[in-house]
Amino acid sequence: MADSTYVRFFSERTNDDVPVVGGKNASLGEMFTDLASRAMMVPDGFAATADAYRGYLQANDHPEKI
């Protein structure tokens, strides 16, 4: 199983998760959940979290923003 600090599945995301996975990924999670409840097949996916991005920057000695 993936470390939930760094990866979150769309099926577990809503628009409340913008600070964790960003706006586009939170919207994809919202769409996945909403359309699935209407019997529309939407493939699940995953998002790298903001913590994953910050960890990458720190591990590779990058400045705070690329």
Protein backbone atom coordinates (compact mmCIF):
# COMPACT_ATOMS: atom_id res chain seq x y z
CA MET A 1 0.00 0.00 0.00
CA ALA A 2 1.23 3.51 -0.81
CA ASP A 3 2.22 5.90 1.98
CA SER A 4 -0.87 8.09 2.46
CA THR A 5 1.41 11.01 3.30
CA TYR A 6 2.46 11.12 -0.34
CA VAL A 7 -0.35 9.49 -2.35
CA ARG A 8 -4.14 9.84 -2.12
CA PHE A 9 -6.66 8.07 -4.35
CA PHE A 10 -9.37 10.06 -6.13
CA SER A 11 -12.02 7.83 -4.58
CA GLU A 12 -11.02 9.24 -1.18
CA ARG A 13 -10.88 12.95 -2.18
CA THR A 14 -13.38 15.80 -2.13
CA ASN A 15 -13.13 19.54 -2.69
CA ASP A 16 -12.30 19.85 1.02
CA ASP A 17 -8.90 18.30 0.20
CA VAL A 18 -7.51 21.23 -1.80
CA PRO A 19 -4.75 21.93 0.78
CA VAL A 20 -3.66 18.27 0.64
CA VAL A 21 -3.72 17.48 -3.10
CA GLY A 22 -4.39 20.79 -4.87
CA GLY A 23 -7.47 22.04 -6.65
CA LYS A 24 -7.36 19.94 -9.82
CA ASN A 25 -6.84 16.66 -7.98
CA ALA A 26 -9.52 17.48 -5.40
CA SER A 27 -11.93 18.25 -8.26
CA LEU A 28 -11.08 14.93 -9.93
CA GLY A 29 -11.88 13.17 -6.66
CA GLU A 30 -15.17 15.02 -6.39
CA MET A 31 -16.03 14.11 -9.99
CA PHE A 32 -15.07 10.45 -9.43
CA THR A 33 -17.34 10.20 -6.38
CA ASP A 34 -20.24 12.17 -7.89
CA LEU A 35 -20.32 10.30 -11.19
CA ALA A 36 -19.90 6.89 -9.57
CA SER A 37 -23.00 7.57 -7.49
CA ARG A 38 -24.86 8.13 -10.79
CA ALA A 39 -23.68 4.76 -12.16
CA MET A 40 -21.20 6.37 -14.55
CA MET A 41 -17.91 4.54 -14.81
CA VAL A 42 -14.92 6.78 -14.09
CA PRO A 43 -11.48 5.22 -13.67
CA ASP A 44 -9.92 5.81 -10.27
CA GLY A 45 -6.53 7.47 -10.07
CA PHE A 46 -4.24 9.00 -7.52
CA ALA A 47 -2.68 12.30 -6.62
CA ALA A 48 0.71 13.11 -5.22
CA THR A 49 0.20 15.25 -2.13
CA ALA A 50 1.64 18.66 -1.35
CA ASP A 51 3.80 16.90 1.28
CA ALA A 52 5.26 14.71 -1.47
CA TYR A 53 6.16 17.81 -3.48
CA ARG A 54 7.79 19.50 -0.48
CA GLY A 55 9.65 16.27 0.36
CA TYR A 56 10.98 16.07 -3.19
CA LEU A 57 12.23 19.65 -3.02
CA GLN A 58 13.95 19.06 0.32
CA ALA A 59 15.51 15.72 -0.66
CA ASN A 60 16.97 17.24 -3.82
CA ASP A 61 18.15 20.55 -2.35
CA HIS A 62 15.82 22.59 -4.54
CA PRO A 63 14.62 26.04 -3.58
CA GLU A 64 11.20 26.29 -1.94
CA LYS A 65 9.48 26.68 -5.33
CA ILE A 66 10.56 25.47 -8.75
